[in-house]
């Protein structure tokens, strides 16, 4: 499945926030969006998810304009993983994941045996089956993030949109989430994710879109997009890119 964003401009009311944005994501790829706060990443996500209608351009899945798709059709194609989520009630983990099946069963229908199997397999895929009976509200931040990814997998969407999936996590959980992102792409899903950490894009992205003031500064493979000059331009701060061995690169801030 291929997602293409074609020259879209979008915003709120009469004020555009993103301008002439174009990018493409194919199955098996990880596209990272990088940029300072206010660069337009969230607005672009809203447009892709159908929550905001572009004033210009179009968004297509396999060449078909999605502007006329129903919410249900969009939900069967695009899965969304938010930064954080705290439900008002203490649902079991399995029940949280099962909520994603409503797009297939209907909001007022009860999940059947097949839906439960799909939810259990989503937990198994992320190696968190042991959490099925736990209360979601009592999990650690890293565990909650993996449950949200499992919920998106149970939705059986072809493209996952992840909004800062490693935010507020400790280093160990950040690395676990990034490993799962790579594994999901290798299994054939397309993943679009935002991050504030260029190092993470080096670790898991097949392509990177670097944004500033609602426009794309650069879009290519991480090693092409993420240069010292482009990152200093995007974040307006001095830095350098260092080789960390084993082919890895890290971004190092210069504080003086």
C-alpha atoms as a PDB file:
ATOM      1  CA  UNK A   1       0.000   0.000   0.000  1.00  0.00           C
ATOM      2  CA  UNK A   2       1.296   3.448  -0.907  1.00  0.00           C
ATOM      3  CA  UNK A   3       0.463   6.727   0.818  1.00  0.00           C
ATOM      4  CA  UNK A   4       1.140   9.897  -1.157  1.00  0.00           C
ATOM      5  CA  UNK A   5       0.780  13.493  -0.035  1.00  0.00           C
ATOM      6  CA  UNK A   6       0.620  15.709  -3.095  1.00  0.00           C
ATOM      7  CA  UNK A   7       1.270  19.449  -2.778  1.00  0.00           C
ATOM      8  CA  UNK A   8      -1.062  20.002   0.164  1.00  0.00           C
ATOM      9  CA  UNK A   9      -1.572  23.301   1.936  1.00  0.00           C
ATOM     10  CA  UNK A  10      -3.614  23.214   5.138  1.00  0.00           C
ATOM     11  CA  UNK A  11      -4.318  25.227   8.249  1.00  0.00           C
ATOM     12  CA  UNK A  12      -7.028  26.582  10.509  1.00  0.00           C
ATOM     13  CA  UNK A  13      -9.657  28.972   9.238  1.00  0.00           C
ATOM     14  CA  UNK A  14      -8.060  31.307   6.723  1.00  0.00           C
ATOM     15  CA  UNK A  15      -4.557  30.837   8.154  1.00  0.00           C
ATOM     16  CA  UNK A  16      -2.424  28.175   6.412  1.00  0.00           C
ATOM     17  CA  UNK A  17       0.114  26.376   8.591  1.00  0.00           C
ATOM     18  CA  UNK A  18       1.726  23.978   6.110  1.00  0.00           C
ATOM     19  CA  UNK A  19       2.517  24.867   2.512  1.00  0.00           C
ATOM     20  CA  UNK A  20       2.912  22.747  -0.630  1.00  0.00           C
ATOM     21  CA  UNK A  21       3.863  19.557   1.238  1.00  0.00           C
ATOM     22  CA  UNK A  22       4.627  16.458  -0.831  1.00  0.00           C
ATOM     23  CA  UNK A  23       5.903  13.092   0.391  1.00  0.00           C
ATOM     24  CA  UNK A  24       5.309   9.396  -0.205  1.00  0.00           C
ATOM     25  CA  UNK A  25       5.372   6.306   1.996  1.00  0.00           C
ATOM     26  CA  UNK A  26       5.338   2.708   0.755  1.00  0.00           C
ATOM     27  CA  UNK A  27       4.783  -0.537   2.626  1.00  0.00           C
ATOM     28  CA  UNK A  28       7.909  -1.558   4.516  1.00  0.00           C
ATOM     29  CA  UNK A  29       9.181   2.002   4.934  1.00  0.00           C
ATOM     30  CA  UNK A  30       9.603   4.238   7.982  1.00  0.00           C
ATOM     31  CA  UNK A  31       9.286   7.954   7.261  1.00  0.00           C
ATOM     32  CA  UNK A  32      10.330  10.209  10.144  1.00  0.00           C
ATOM     33  CA  UNK A  33       9.126  13.800  10.402  1.00  0.00           C
ATOM     34  CA  UNK A  34      11.590  16.071  12.155  1.00  0.00           C
ATOM     35  CA  UNK A  35      11.308  19.750  12.984  1.00  0.00           C
ATOM     36  CA  UNK A  36      11.120  22.258  15.789  1.00  0.00           C
ATOM     37  CA  UNK A  37       7.906  22.903  17.689  1.00  0.00           C
ATOM     38  CA  UNK A  38       5.521  24.825  15.470  1.00  0.00           C
ATOM     39  CA  UNK A  39       7.038  23.542  12.235  1.00  0.00           C
ATOM     40  CA  UNK A  40       3.734  21.989  11.131  1.00  0.00           C
ATOM     41  CA  UNK A  41       4.162  18.304  11.951  1.00  0.00           C
ATOM     42  CA  UNK A  42       0.887  18.006  13.898  1.00  0.00           C
ATOM     43  CA  UNK A  43      -1.071  19.863  11.213  1.00  0.00           C
ATOM     44  CA  UNK A  44       0.326  17.525   8.571  1.00  0.00           C
ATOM     45  CA  UNK A  45      -0.700  14.509  10.691  1.00  0.00           C
ATOM     46  CA  UNK A  46      -4.221  15.871  11.067  1.00  0.00           C
ATOM     47  CA  UNK A  47      -4.524  16.315   7.315  1.00  0.00           C
ATOM     48  CA  UNK A  48      -3.289  12.786   6.627  1.00  0.00           C
ATOM     49  CA  UNK A  49      -5.673  11.314   9.219  1.00  0.00           C
ATOM     50  CA  UNK A  50      -8.632  13.117   7.664  1.00  0.00           C
ATOM     51  CA  UNK A  51      -9.140  15.430  10.650  1.00  0.00           C
ATOM     52  CA  UNK A  52      -8.251  18.537   8.651  1.00  0.00           C
ATOM     53  CA  UNK A  53      -9.195  19.204   5.040  1.00  0.00           C
ATOM     54  CA  UNK A  54      -6.372  20.625   2.886  1.00  0.00           C
ATOM     55  CA  UNK A  55      -7.162  23.860   1.070  1.00  0.00           C
ATOM     56  CA  UNK A  56      -4.934  22.722  -1.791  1.00  0.00           C
ATOM     57  CA  UNK A  57      -3.530  19.419  -2.991  1.00  0.00           C
ATOM     58  CA  UNK A  58      -4.657  15.910  -2.168  1.00  0.00           C
ATOM     59  CA  UNK A  59      -3.767  12.829  -0.112  1.00  0.00           C
ATOM     60  CA  UNK A  60      -3.999   9.449  -1.817  1.00  0.00           C
ATOM     61  CA  UNK A  61      -3.854   5.778  -0.889  1.00  0.00           C
ATOM     62  CA  UNK A  62      -2.783   3.645  -3.845  1.00  0.00           C
ATOM     63  CA  UNK A  63      -3.614   6.557  -6.126  1.00  0.00           C
ATOM     64  CA  UNK A  64      -7.139   7.092  -4.747  1.00  0.00           C
ATOM     65  CA  UNK A  65      -7.980  10.474  -3.220  1.00  0.00           C
ATOM     66  CA  UNK A  66      -9.090   9.832   0.381  1.00  0.00           C
ATOM     67  CA  UNK A  67     -11.011  13.105   0.799  1.00  0.00           C
ATOM     68  CA  UNK A  68     -14.276  11.313   0.056  1.00  0.00           C
ATOM     69  CA  UNK A  69     -13.581   8.236   2.162  1.00  0.00           C
ATOM     70  CA  UNK A  70     -15.769   7.454   5.156  1.00  0.00           C
ATOM     71  CA  UNK A  71     -14.321   7.482   8.674  1.00  0.00           C
ATOM     72  CA  UNK A  72     -14.607   3.704   8.744  1.00  0.00           C
ATOM     73  CA  UNK A  73     -12.691   3.272   5.494  1.00  0.00           C
ATOM     74  CA  UNK A  74      -9.961   5.606   6.744  1.00  0.00           C
ATOM     75  CA  UNK A  75      -9.745   3.734  10.052  1.00  0.00           C
ATOM     76  CA  UNK A  76      -9.329   0.432   8.234  1.00  0.00           C
ATOM     77  CA  UNK A  77      -6.352   1.874   6.385  1.00  0.00           C
ATOM     78  CA  UNK A  78      -4.661   4.310   8.784  1.00  0.00           C
ATOM     79  CA  UNK A  79      -3.870   3.454  12.394  1.00  0.00           C
ATOM     80  CA  UNK A  80      -2.976   6.237  14.842  1.00  0.00           C
ATOM     81  CA  UNK A  81      -0.735   5.954  17.901  1.00  0.00           C
ATOM     82  CA  UNK A  82      -0.843   9.116  20.083  1.00  0.00           C
ATOM     83  CA  UNK A  83       1.950  10.421  22.290  1.00  0.00           C
ATOM     84  CA  UNK A  84       0.165   9.424  25.478  1.00  0.00           C
ATOM     85  CA  UNK A  85      -3.231   8.176  26.516  1.00  0.00           C
ATOM     86  CA  UNK A  86      -4.868   7.913  29.920  1.00  0.00           C
ATOM     87  CA  UNK A  87      -8.381   6.440  29.763  1.00  0.00           C
ATOM     88  CA  UNK A  88     -11.007   7.604  32.271  1.00  0.00           C
ATOM     89  CA  UNK A  89     -11.626   4.033  33.421  1.00  0.00           C
ATOM     90  CA  UNK A  90      -9.243   1.254  34.441  1.00  0.00           C
ATOM     91  CA  UNK A  91      -9.726  -1.059  31.465  1.00  0.00           C
ATOM     92  CA  UNK A  92      -7.786  -4.283  31.135  1.00  0.00           C
ATOM     93  CA  UNK A  93      -5.046  -4.184  28.517  1.00  0.00           C
ATOM     94  CA  UNK A  94      -6.830  -6.735  26.340  1.00  0.00           C
ATOM     95  CA  UNK A  95      -9.976  -4.588  26.401  1.00  0.00           C
ATOM     96  CA  UNK A  96      -8.003  -1.495  25.363  1.00  0.00           C
ATOM     97  CA  UNK A  97      -6.623  -3.393  22.367  1.00  0.00           C
ATOM     98  CA  UNK A  98     -10.052  -4.833  21.548  1.00  0.00           C
ATOM     99  CA  UNK A  99     -11.457  -1.313  21.210  1.00  0.00           C
ATOM    100  CA  UNK A 100      -9.672  -1.084  17.872  1.00  0.00           C
ATOM    101  CA  UNK A 101     -11.899  -3.842  16.503  1.00  0.00           C
ATOM    102  CA  UNK A 102     -14.946  -1.536  16.600  1.00  0.00           C
ATOM    103  CA  UNK A 103     -14.020  -0.307  13.123  1.00  0.00           C
ATOM    104  CA  UNK A 104     -14.781  -3.826  11.871  1.00  0.00           C
ATOM    105  CA  UNK A 105     -17.590  -4.856  14.222  1.00  0.00           C
ATOM    106  CA  UNK A 106     -19.439  -1.578  14.760  1.00  0.00           C
ATOM    107  CA  UNK A 107     -19.384   0.702  17.791  1.00  0.00           C
ATOM    108  CA  UNK A 108     -22.317  -0.977  19.559  1.00  0.00           C
ATOM    109  CA  UNK A 109     -21.370  -4.583  18.762  1.00  0.00           C
ATOM    110  CA  UNK A 110     -19.527  -6.914  21.100  1.00  0.00           C
ATOM    111  CA  UNK A 111     -16.215  -8.375  19.923  1.00  0.00           C
ATOM    112  CA  UNK A 112     -16.403 -11.988  18.801  1.00  0.00           C
ATOM    113  CA  UNK A 113     -13.934 -14.832  19.198  1.00  0.00           C
ATOM    114  CA  UNK A 114     -12.049 -13.832  16.056  1.00  0.00           C
ATOM    115  CA  UNK A 115     -11.656 -10.266  17.335  1.00  0.00           C
ATOM    116  CA  UNK A 116     -10.220 -11.573  20.598  1.00  0.00           C
ATOM    117  CA  UNK A 117      -7.765 -13.761  18.685  1.00  0.00           C
ATOM    118  CA  UNK A 118      -6.646 -10.755  16.621  1.00  0.00           C
ATOM    119  CA  UNK A 119      -6.159  -8.638  19.763  1.00  0.00           C
ATOM    120  CA  UNK A 120      -4.199 -11.401  21.473  1.00  0.00           C
ATOM    121  CA  UNK A 121      -1.975 -11.820  18.417  1.00  0.00           C
ATOM    122  CA  UNK A 122      -1.275  -8.071  18.410  1.00  0.00           C
ATOM    123  CA  UNK A 123      -0.086  -8.291  22.016  1.00  0.00           C
ATOM    124  CA  UNK A 124       1.973 -11.371  21.180  1.00  0.00           C
ATOM    125  CA  UNK A 125       3.557  -9.623  18.225  1.00  0.00           C
ATOM    126  CA  UNK A 126       4.949  -6.967  20.582  1.00  0.00           C
ATOM    127  CA  UNK A 127       5.925  -9.543  23.234  1.00  0.00           C
ATOM    128  CA  UNK A 128       3.507  -8.138  25.826  1.00  0.00           C
ATOM    129  CA  UNK A 129       0.966 -10.981  26.083  1.00  0.00           C
ATOM    130  CA  UNK A 130       1.721 -11.133  29.809  1.00  0.00           C
ATOM    131  CA  UNK A 131       0.015  -7.747  30.210  1.00  0.00           C
ATOM    132  CA  UNK A 132      -3.365  -8.853  28.784  1.00  0.00           C
ATOM    133  CA  UNK A 133      -5.089  -9.041  32.165  1.00  0.00           C
ATOM    134  CA  UNK A 134      -3.361  -6.030  33.729  1.00  0.00           C
ATOM    135  CA  UNK A 135      -5.045  -2.664  34.243  1.00  0.00           C
ATOM    136  CA  UNK A 136      -3.889  -0.210  31.599  1.00  0.00           C
ATOM    137  CA  UNK A 137      -3.803   2.667  34.094  1.00  0.00           C
ATOM    138  CA  UNK A 138      -1.264   0.804  36.246  1.00  0.00           C
ATOM    139  CA  UNK A 139       1.289   0.174  33.495  1.00  0.00           C
ATOM    140  CA  UNK A 140       4.582   1.971  33.036  1.00  0.00           C
ATOM    141  CA  UNK A 141       4.923   4.570  30.287  1.00  0.00           C
ATOM    142  CA  UNK A 142       6.802   2.183  28.028  1.00  0.00           C
ATOM    143  CA  UNK A 143       4.254  -0.577  28.498  1.00  0.00           C
ATOM    144  CA  UNK A 144       1.396   1.817  27.720  1.00  0.00           C
ATOM    145  CA  UNK A 145       3.077   2.902  24.506  1.00  0.00           C
ATOM    146  CA  UNK A 146       3.440  -0.711  23.372  1.00  0.00           C
ATOM    147  CA  UNK A 147      -0.236  -1.337  24.206  1.00  0.00           C
ATOM    148  CA  UNK A 148      -1.225   1.637  22.033  1.00  0.00           C
ATOM    149  CA  UNK A 149       0.836   0.203  19.170  1.00  0.00           C
ATOM    150  CA  UNK A 150      -0.830  -3.187  19.723  1.00  0.00           C
ATOM    151  CA  UNK A 151      -4.224  -1.464  19.561  1.00  0.00           C
ATOM    152  CA  UNK A 152      -3.291   0.040  16.201  1.00  0.00           C
ATOM    153  CA  UNK A 153      -2.141  -3.381  14.973  1.00  0.00           C
ATOM    154  CA  UNK A 154      -5.457  -4.930  16.023  1.00  0.00           C
ATOM    155  CA  UNK A 155      -7.136  -2.307  13.858  1.00  0.00           C
ATOM    156  CA  UNK A 156      -5.410  -4.114  10.956  1.00  0.00           C
ATOM    157  CA  UNK A 157      -4.499  -0.850   9.252  1.00  0.00           C
ATOM    158  CA  UNK A 158      -1.830  -0.853   6.556  1.00  0.00           C
ATOM    159  CA  UNK A 159      -0.184   2.414   7.583  1.00  0.00           C
ATOM    160  CA  UNK A 160       0.612   3.393  11.173  1.00  0.00           C
ATOM    161  CA  UNK A 161       0.898   7.075  12.117  1.00  0.00           C
ATOM    162  CA  UNK A 162       2.892   7.480  15.335  1.00  0.00           C
ATOM    163  CA  UNK A 163       3.032  10.834  17.116  1.00  0.00           C
ATOM    164  CA  UNK A 164       6.220  10.997  19.191  1.00  0.00           C
ATOM    165  CA  UNK A 165       6.054   7.300  20.176  1.00  0.00           C
ATOM    166  CA  UNK A 166       9.125   7.600  22.423  1.00  0.00           C
ATOM    167  CA  UNK A 167       8.179  10.807  24.246  1.00  0.00           C
ATOM    168  CA  UNK A 168       8.417  10.690  28.047  1.00  0.00           C
ATOM    169  CA  UNK A 169       9.996   7.221  27.997  1.00  0.00           C
ATOM    170  CA  UNK A 170      13.263   6.214  29.621  1.00  0.00           C
ATOM    171  CA  UNK A 171      16.167   5.171  27.431  1.00  0.00           C
ATOM    172  CA  UNK A 172      15.456   1.451  27.632  1.00  0.00           C
ATOM    173  CA  UNK A 173      11.821   1.821  26.625  1.00  0.00           C
ATOM    174  CA  UNK A 174      12.763   4.243  23.853  1.00  0.00           C
ATOM    175  CA  UNK A 175      15.027   1.591  22.332  1.00  0.00           C
ATOM    176  CA  UNK A 176      12.354  -1.118  22.698  1.00  0.00           C
ATOM    177  CA  UNK A 177       9.800   1.022  20.862  1.00  0.00           C
ATOM    178  CA  UNK A 178      12.291   1.823  18.077  1.00  0.00           C
ATOM    179  CA  UNK A 179      13.112  -1.879  17.656  1.00  0.00           C
ATOM    180  CA  UNK A 180       9.420  -2.660  17.288  1.00  0.00           C
ATOM    181  CA  UNK A 181       9.045   0.166  14.759  1.00  0.00           C
ATOM    182  CA  UNK A 182      11.772  -1.411  12.624  1.00  0.00           C
ATOM    183  CA  UNK A 183      10.285  -4.900  12.996  1.00  0.00           C
ATOM    184  CA  UNK A 184       6.810  -3.696  11.984  1.00  0.00           C
ATOM    185  CA  UNK A 185       8.229  -2.069   8.862  1.00  0.00           C
ATOM    186  CA  UNK A 186      10.111  -5.268   8.034  1.00  0.00           C
ATOM    187  CA  UNK A 187       6.809  -7.147   8.298  1.00  0.00           C
ATOM    188  CA  UNK A 188       5.363  -4.955   5.532  1.00  0.00           C
ATOM    189  CA  UNK A 189       3.625  -2.072   7.309  1.00  0.00           C
ATOM    190  CA  UNK A 190       4.259   1.543   6.373  1.00  0.00           C
ATOM    191  CA  UNK A 191       5.086   3.766   9.352  1.00  0.00           C
ATOM    192  CA  UNK A 192       4.978   7.558   9.549  1.00  0.00           C
ATOM    193  CA  UNK A 193       6.312   8.942  12.809  1.00  0.00           C
ATOM    194  CA  UNK A 194       7.385  12.198  14.395  1.00  0.00           C
ATOM    195  CA  UNK A 195      10.318  12.515  16.736  1.00  0.00           C
ATOM    196  CA  UNK A 196      12.337  15.324  18.277  1.00  0.00           C
ATOM    197  CA  UNK A 197      15.490  13.199  18.205  1.00  0.00           C
ATOM    198  CA  UNK A 198      17.476  13.066  14.934  1.00  0.00           C
ATOM    199  CA  UNK A 199      19.443  10.135  16.388  1.00  0.00           C
ATOM    200  CA  UNK A 200      16.263   8.033  16.331  1.00  0.00           C
ATOM    201  CA  UNK A 201      15.742   8.793  12.658  1.00  0.00           C
ATOM    202  CA  UNK A 202      19.266   7.521  11.977  1.00  0.00           C
ATOM    203  CA  UNK A 203      18.371   4.316  13.835  1.00  0.00           C
ATOM    204  CA  UNK A 204      15.072   3.340  12.238  1.00  0.00           C
ATOM    205  CA  UNK A 205      14.036   5.564   9.315  1.00  0.00           C
ATOM    206  CA  UNK A 206      14.280   4.717   5.629  1.00  0.00           C
ATOM    207  CA  UNK A 207      13.559   8.364   4.789  1.00  0.00           C
ATOM    208  CA  UNK A 208      13.336  11.635   6.713  1.00  0.00           C
ATOM    209  CA  UNK A 209      11.338  14.814   6.078  1.00  0.00           C
ATOM    210  CA  UNK A 210      12.863  17.815   7.819  1.00  0.00           C
ATOM    211  CA  UNK A 211      10.317  20.617   8.341  1.00  0.00           C
ATOM    212  CA  UNK A 212      10.568  24.307   9.167  1.00  0.00           C
ATOM    213  CA  UNK A 213       7.833  26.936   9.274  1.00  0.00           C
ATOM    214  CA  UNK A 214       5.320  24.689   7.527  1.00  0.00           C
ATOM    215  CA  UNK A 215       7.546  23.662   4.652  1.00  0.00           C
ATOM    216  CA  UNK A 216       9.830  20.726   3.934  1.00  0.00           C
ATOM    217  CA  UNK A 217      13.491  21.739   3.990  1.00  0.00           C
ATOM    218  CA  UNK A 218      14.773  18.345   2.883  1.00  0.00           C
ATOM    219  CA  UNK A 219      13.374  14.890   2.142  1.00  0.00           C
ATOM    220  CA  UNK A 220      15.586  11.886   1.467  1.00  0.00           C
ATOM    221  CA  UNK A 221      17.443   9.077   3.205  1.00  0.00           C
ATOM    222  CA  UNK A 222      18.551   9.970   6.761  1.00  0.00           C
ATOM    223  CA  UNK A 223      22.226  10.306   5.842  1.00  0.00           C
ATOM    224  CA  UNK A 224      21.308  12.713   3.019  1.00  0.00           C
ATOM    225  CA  UNK A 225      18.648  14.768   4.811  1.00  0.00           C
ATOM    226  CA  UNK A 226      20.258  15.052   8.231  1.00  0.00           C
ATOM    227  CA  UNK A 227      23.359  17.135   7.665  1.00  0.00           C
ATOM    228  CA  UNK A 228      24.889  19.625  10.056  1.00  0.00           C
ATOM    229  CA  UNK A 229      23.727  22.510   7.868  1.00  0.00           C
ATOM    230  CA  UNK A 230      20.135  21.315   7.495  1.00  0.00           C
ATOM    231  CA  UNK A 231      19.698  20.511  11.191  1.00  0.00           C
ATOM    232  CA  UNK A 232      21.186  23.840  12.282  1.00  0.00           C
ATOM    233  CA  UNK A 233      18.788  25.567   9.900  1.00  0.00           C
ATOM    234  CA  UNK A 234      15.749  23.616  11.149  1.00  0.00           C
ATOM    235  CA  UNK A 235      16.472  23.938  14.874  1.00  0.00           C
ATOM    236  CA  UNK A 236      18.418  27.206  14.827  1.00  0.00           C
ATOM    237  CA  UNK A 237      21.093  25.891  17.160  1.00  0.00           C
ATOM    238  CA  UNK A 238      24.749  24.930  16.651  1.00  0.00           C
ATOM    239  CA  UNK A 239      25.535  21.217  16.521  1.00  0.00           C
ATOM    240  CA  UNK A 240      27.649  18.621  14.827  1.00  0.00           C
ATOM    241  CA  UNK A 241      27.152  15.075  13.592  1.00  0.00           C
ATOM    242  CA  UNK A 242      29.583  12.489  14.952  1.00  0.00           C
ATOM    243  CA  UNK A 243      30.317   8.935  13.870  1.00  0.00           C
ATOM    244  CA  UNK A 244      29.532   6.553  16.728  1.00  0.00           C
ATOM    245  CA  UNK A 245      30.949   3.370  15.206  1.00  0.00           C
ATOM    246  CA  UNK A 246      29.186   0.417  13.583  1.00  0.00           C
ATOM    247  CA  UNK A 247      27.909   2.813  10.938  1.00  0.00           C
ATOM    248  CA  UNK A 248      25.876   4.840  13.472  1.00  0.00           C
ATOM    249  CA  UNK A 249      25.710   8.626  13.602  1.00  0.00           C
ATOM    250  CA  UNK A 250      24.717  10.827  16.515  1.00  0.00           C
ATOM    251  CA  UNK A 251      23.843  14.508  16.732  1.00  0.00           C
ATOM    252  CA  UNK A 252      25.883  16.368  19.333  1.00  0.00           C
ATOM    253  CA  UNK A 253      24.834  19.896  20.462  1.00  0.00           C
ATOM    254  CA  UNK A 254      27.487  22.581  20.774  1.00  0.00           C
ATOM    255  CA  UNK A 255      26.874  24.549  23.937  1.00  0.00           C
ATOM    256  CA  UNK A 256      29.659  27.114  23.501  1.00  0.00           C
END
